[in-house]
Amino acid sequence: MLGNIIAGLITAVILAVGGLLWNHRRRLGLLRLTTRRGGRLRLSVAVLLRVRDDDGYVLIHHPYRPNAYGPPGGVVKYDDHARRALDEMGFVEHRSAGRTTEMSHDLRGFVPARRGLAFLRWYEKTTDRETPEQCLLRELREELAEAGHPELIPLAASLRFDRVRAVEDGPRPTPGKDYPTLRQFEVYDIVTNTPQATQLVTRLLALGRDPAENQIIVASAADLENGRCGSHLITPQSAFLIGNRRIHEDIPALQ
């Protein structure tokens, strides 16, 4: 009798562990971190915009990485209602010196390593944070102004987007640091179902091919894989415009 009970308990545990591993089979690296008693995990969630034609992808100059270009988009922001949940997970924002206001409320920071999975579960509830569409519209306004083309901002006022893919990058070692980094990206296309949307895409591609333009470029898929377009560096997340795999390491930002 006792033997049957013990055997049943062992079977139940094995099935529970097996179910947990199966449900998180794409996050086994993250699942291993949940068993750590110490250490921290750096994470961020971002949305990227793919603007392209046949084999040309629009990239915009990154103001904090000189001569580096990447796709429009950026880190998703949370709102004040999320503060309690984030505090319970031990989330601490990671802000660069001199950019504290700009990076306020960014979902980019640190949690205890064992809380990484809990953070992603919270994010997937899609509450108390920007939607991908809201993030893209905000980032487009900011980046078009920074690139010196505020005249294009009205064309982006009512854009709609189609989701292309989601990529979970990591957790991977962080060069020179004692913590791993996990990044989550969603990639979207512009829906060109209005004259304004079509005009915006056309103008961005034309600017990117204008030799006199130094803030916007158009790179090929081969350029994205190589990490360079002529003399310009291409940020590693640009590779997610064409696939699910990171190819190059990060380009350090100015501090």
Protein backbone atom coordinates (compact mmCIF):
# COMPACT_ATOMS: atom_id res chain seq x y z
CA MET A 1 0.00 0.00 0.00
CA LEU A 2 2.72 2.44 1.06
CA GLY A 3 4.77 1.43 -1.96
CA ASN A 4 1.89 2.27 -4.29
CA ILE A 5 1.49 5.70 -2.69
CA ILE A 6 5.20 6.47 -3.04
CA ALA A 7 5.21 5.25 -6.64
CA GLY A 8 2.19 7.44 -7.37
CA LEU A 9 3.88 10.49 -5.85
CA ILE A 10 7.06 9.87 -7.84
CA THR A 11 5.04 9.50 -11.04
CA ALA A 12 3.16 12.73 -10.31
CA VAL A 13 6.41 14.62 -9.73
CA ILE A 14 7.95 13.25 -12.93
CA LEU A 15 4.86 14.21 -14.92
CA ALA A 16 4.80 17.69 -13.38
CA VAL A 17 8.48 18.29 -14.12
CA GLY A 18 8.06 16.89 -17.62
CA GLY A 19 5.08 19.15 -18.24
CA LEU A 20 6.99 22.18 -16.98
CA LEU A 21 9.95 21.42 -19.24
CA TRP A 22 7.69 20.83 -22.24
CA ASN A 23 5.69 24.02 -21.70
CA HIS A 24 8.92 26.03 -21.47
CA ARG A 25 10.99 24.00 -23.94
CA ARG A 26 11.96 27.19 -25.79
CA ARG A 27 13.02 28.84 -22.54
CA LEU A 28 15.17 26.15 -20.94
CA GLY A 29 18.05 28.59 -20.43
CA LEU A 30 15.73 30.97 -18.63
CA LEU A 31 14.17 28.11 -16.68
CA ARG A 32 17.62 27.12 -15.39
CA LEU A 33 18.07 30.64 -14.04
CA THR A 34 14.97 30.24 -11.88
CA THR A 35 16.88 27.68 -9.79
CA ARG A 36 19.58 30.21 -8.88
CA ARG A 37 19.55 31.60 -5.38
CA GLY A 38 21.60 34.65 -6.30
CA GLY A 39 22.60 36.70 -9.29
CA ARG A 40 20.62 39.00 -11.50
CA LEU A 41 19.33 39.04 -15.06
CA ARG A 42 19.32 42.04 -17.38
CA LEU A 43 16.33 42.08 -19.69
CA SER A 44 14.53 44.32 -22.14
CA VAL A 45 11.52 44.17 -24.43
CA ALA A 46 11.45 46.15 -27.66
CA VAL A 47 9.51 46.56 -30.90
CA LEU A 48 11.17 46.99 -34.30
CA LEU A 49 9.67 48.36 -37.51
CA ARG A 50 10.56 46.77 -40.83
CA VAL A 51 10.33 49.28 -43.69
CA ARG A 52 11.46 47.70 -46.94
CA ASP A 53 11.10 47.18 -50.64
CA ASP A 54 12.56 44.33 -52.73
CA ASP A 55 15.92 43.99 -50.93
CA GLY A 56 16.22 47.30 -49.13
CA TYR A 57 15.65 47.87 -45.41
CA VAL A 58 15.37 51.34 -43.90
CA LEU A 59 17.74 51.99 -41.00
CA ILE A 60 18.05 55.18 -38.95
CA HIS A 61 21.19 56.56 -37.32
CA HIS A 62 21.49 55.72 -33.63
CA PRO A 63 22.27 58.94 -31.72
CA TYR A 64 24.19 57.14 -28.96
CA ARG A 65 26.18 54.81 -31.22
CA PRO A 66 28.13 56.99 -33.67
CA ASN A 67 28.00 55.80 -37.28
CA ALA A 68 25.67 52.93 -36.31
CA TYR A 69 22.25 52.42 -37.90
CA GLY A 70 19.30 50.28 -36.91
CA PRO A 71 15.60 49.80 -37.60
CA PRO A 72 13.02 52.27 -36.29
CA GLY A 73 11.57 51.24 -32.95
CA GLY A 74 12.70 50.89 -29.38
CA VAL A 75 12.02 49.72 -25.87
CA VAL A 76 8.44 49.39 -24.63
CA LYS A 77 7.48 51.64 -21.72
CA TYR A 78 5.37 50.70 -18.72
CA ASP A 79 2.87 52.98 -17.00
CA ASP A 80 2.56 53.87 -13.33
CA HIS A 81 -0.03 51.14 -12.70
CA ALA A 82 2.69 48.54 -13.32
CA ARG A 83 4.93 49.81 -10.55
CA ARG A 84 3.58 47.52 -7.84
CA ALA A 85 3.92 44.35 -9.94
CA LEU A 86 7.42 45.34 -11.06
CA ASP A 87 8.47 46.12 -7.49
CA GLU A 88 7.26 42.69 -6.37
CA MET A 89 9.53 41.12 -9.02
CA GLY A 90 12.47 43.25 -7.90
CA PHE A 91 12.66 45.07 -11.25
CA VAL A 92 15.17 47.95 -11.33
CA GLU A 93 15.43 50.13 -14.43
CA HIS A 94 18.77 50.29 -16.24
CA ARG A 95 19.36 53.87 -17.36
CA SER A 96 22.48 55.26 -18.99
CA ALA A 97 24.10 58.34 -17.48
CA GLY A 98 22.76 61.52 -19.06
CA ARG A 99 19.64 59.76 -20.41
CA THR A 100 17.68 59.25 -17.20
CA THR A 101 14.63 61.24 -18.33
CA GLU A 102 14.54 59.76 -21.82
CA MET A 103 14.81 56.19 -20.52
CA SER A 104 12.31 56.62 -17.68
CA HIS A 105 9.67 53.85 -17.55
CA ASP A 106 11.58 51.72 -20.07
CA LEU A 107 11.07 47.97 -19.71
CA ARG A 108 14.83 47.54 -19.68
CA GLY A 109 16.51 46.69 -16.43
CA PHE A 110 17.39 44.03 -13.90
CA VAL A 111 15.48 41.40 -11.96
CA PRO A 112 16.77 38.64 -9.69
CA ALA A 113 17.73 35.81 -12.05
CA ARG A 114 15.05 33.54 -10.59
CA ARG A 115 12.33 36.09 -11.50
CA GLY A 116 13.04 36.30 -15.22
CA LEU A 117 10.24 33.91 -16.14
CA ALA A 118 7.81 35.78 -13.88
CA PHE A 119 8.69 39.03 -15.64
CA LEU A 120 7.91 37.57 -19.08
CA ARG A 121 4.63 36.15 -17.82
CA TRP A 122 3.68 39.59 -16.52
CA TYR A 123 4.65 41.20 -19.84
CA GLU A 124 2.56 38.72 -21.80
CA LYS A 125 -0.57 39.85 -19.93
CA THR A 126 -0.30 43.07 -22.05
CA THR A 127 -1.60 45.29 -19.25
CA ASP A 128 -0.09 48.44 -17.70
CA ARG A 129 2.34 48.96 -20.55
CA GLU A 130 2.46 50.24 -24.11
CA THR A 131 1.10 48.05 -26.85
CA PRO A 132 3.54 47.38 -29.70
CA GLU A 133 1.57 49.81 -31.86
CA GLN A 134 1.78 52.59 -29.26
CA CYS A 135 5.50 51.98 -28.85
CA LEU A 136 6.14 52.17 -32.60
CA LEU A 137 4.13 55.37 -33.05
CA ARG A 138 5.97 57.06 -30.17
CA GLU A 139 9.38 55.90 -31.37
CA LEU A 140 8.67 56.96 -34.97
CA ARG A 141 7.79 60.48 -33.85
CA GLU A 142 10.96 60.72 -31.79
CA GLU A 143 13.28 59.18 -34.37
CA LEU A 144 11.97 61.15 -37.34
CA ALA A 145 12.53 64.36 -35.37
CA GLU A 146 16.04 63.26 -34.32
CA ALA A 147 16.85 62.37 -37.93
CA GLY A 148 15.93 65.89 -39.03
CA HIS A 149 12.69 64.97 -40.81
CA PRO A 150 9.82 66.20 -38.62
CA GLU A 151 7.84 66.88 -41.80
CA LEU A 152 7.22 63.12 -42.02
CA ILE A 153 5.67 62.84 -38.56
CA PRO A 154 2.08 63.66 -39.70
CA LEU A 155 2.27 60.76 -42.16
CA ALA A 156 2.81 58.39 -39.22
CA ALA A 157 -0.09 59.67 -37.12
CA SER A 158 -2.56 56.87 -37.88
CA LEU A 159 -0.42 53.98 -39.08
CA ARG A 160 -1.46 50.37 -38.69
CA PHE A 161 0.97 47.48 -38.37
CA ASP A 162 1.21 43.77 -39.15
CA ARG A 163 3.23 41.51 -36.85
CA VAL A 164 6.05 39.68 -38.61
CA ARG A 165 7.71 37.70 -35.82
CA ALA A 166 8.68 37.61 -32.17
CA VAL A 167 12.21 36.70 -31.10
CA GLU A 168 13.53 35.83 -27.66
CA ASP A 169 17.27 36.47 -27.67
CA GLY A 170 19.04 34.79 -24.78
CA PRO A 171 19.69 34.61 -21.97
CA ARG A 172 23.27 35.02 -23.15
CA PRO A 173 26.46 36.11 -21.37
CA THR A 174 27.00 39.87 -21.20
CA PRO A 175 30.57 40.73 -22.27
CA GLY A 176 32.56 42.09 -19.33
CA LYS A 177 29.66 41.72 -16.88
CA ASP A 178 28.69 39.16 -14.27
CA TYR A 179 25.07 38.81 -15.39
CA PRO A 180 23.31 37.34 -18.45
CA THR A 181 21.06 39.36 -20.75
CA LEU A 182 17.68 38.41 -22.18
CA ARG A 183 16.04 40.49 -24.90
CA GLN A 184 12.62 40.07 -26.44
CA PHE A 185 11.81 41.65 -29.80
CA GLU A 186 8.67 41.95 -31.86
CA VAL A 187 8.99 42.93 -35.52
CA TYR A 188 6.21 44.68 -37.45
CA ASP A 189 5.54 45.87 -40.99
CA ILE A 190 3.61 49.02 -41.88
CA VAL A 191 0.21 48.31 -43.42
CA THR A 192 0.22 50.46 -46.56
CA ASN A 193 -3.55 50.75 -46.88
CA THR A 194 -3.71 54.56 -46.84
CA PRO A 195 -2.06 57.24 -48.99
CA GLN A 196 -0.22 58.53 -45.90
CA ALA A 197 1.26 55.12 -45.07
CA THR A 198 2.34 54.54 -48.67
CA GLN A 199 3.86 58.01 -48.87
CA LEU A 200 5.79 57.51 -45.62
CA VAL A 201 7.33 54.24 -46.81
CA THR A 202 8.17 55.76 -50.21
CA ARG A 203 9.77 58.83 -48.64
CA LEU A 204 11.85 56.81 -46.17
CA LEU A 205 13.18 54.54 -48.92
CA ALA A 206 13.98 57.55 -51.12
CA LEU A 207 15.81 59.29 -48.27
CA GLY A 208 17.77 56.14 -47.50
CA ARG A 209 19.03 56.02 -51.08
CA ASP A 210 19.89 59.72 -51.25
CA PRO A 211 23.71 60.12 -51.09
CA ALA A 212 23.24 63.49 -49.39
CA GLU A 213 21.23 61.97 -46.52
CA ASN A 214 23.35 60.91 -43.53
CA GLN A 215 20.69 60.00 -40.95
CA ILE A 216 18.72 57.39 -42.90
CA ILE A 217 20.15 54.60 -45.05
CA VAL A 218 18.82 51.60 -46.97
CA ALA A 219 20.70 48.34 -46.40
CA SER A 220 20.37 44.98 -48.13
CA ALA A 221 19.75 41.64 -46.42
CA ALA A 222 23.42 40.80 -47.01
CA ASP A 223 24.38 44.04 -45.25
CA LEU A 224 22.24 43.08 -42.26
CA GLU A 225 24.02 39.74 -42.05
CA ASN A 226 27.47 41.32 -42.41
CA GLY A 227 26.81 44.06 -39.87
CA ARG A 228 27.97 46.78 -42.26
CA CYS A 229 26.58 48.89 -45.08
CA GLY A 230 29.55 50.52 -46.75
CA SER A 231 31.32 52.48 -44.02
CA HIS A 232 28.30 52.33 -41.69
CA LEU A 233 27.89 49.89 -38.80
CA ILE A 234 24.57 48.08 -38.47
CA THR A 235 23.16 47.30 -35.03
CA PRO A 236 22.88 43.55 -34.29
CA GLN A 237 19.10 43.60 -33.69
CA SER A 238 18.72 44.57 -37.36
CA ALA A 239 19.22 40.88 -38.18
CA PHE A 240 15.76 40.19 -36.75
CA LEU A 241 14.27 42.03 -39.73
CA ILE A 242 15.20 39.00 -41.84
CA GLY A 243 15.22 36.09 -39.38
CA ASN A 244 15.21 34.76 -35.82
CA ARG A 245 18.95 34.67 -35.21
CA ARG A 246 21.35 37.24 -33.80
CA ILE A 247 24.58 37.27 -35.78
CA HIS A 248 26.78 39.97 -34.20
CA GLU A 249 27.48 41.18 -30.67
CA ASP A 250 26.30 44.54 -29.37
CA ILE A 251 27.86 47.84 -30.36
CA PRO A 252 28.63 49.68 -27.09
CA ALA A 253 26.65 52.88 -26.59
CA LEU A 254 28.13 56.19 -25.51
CA GLN A 255 27.89 56.67 -21.75
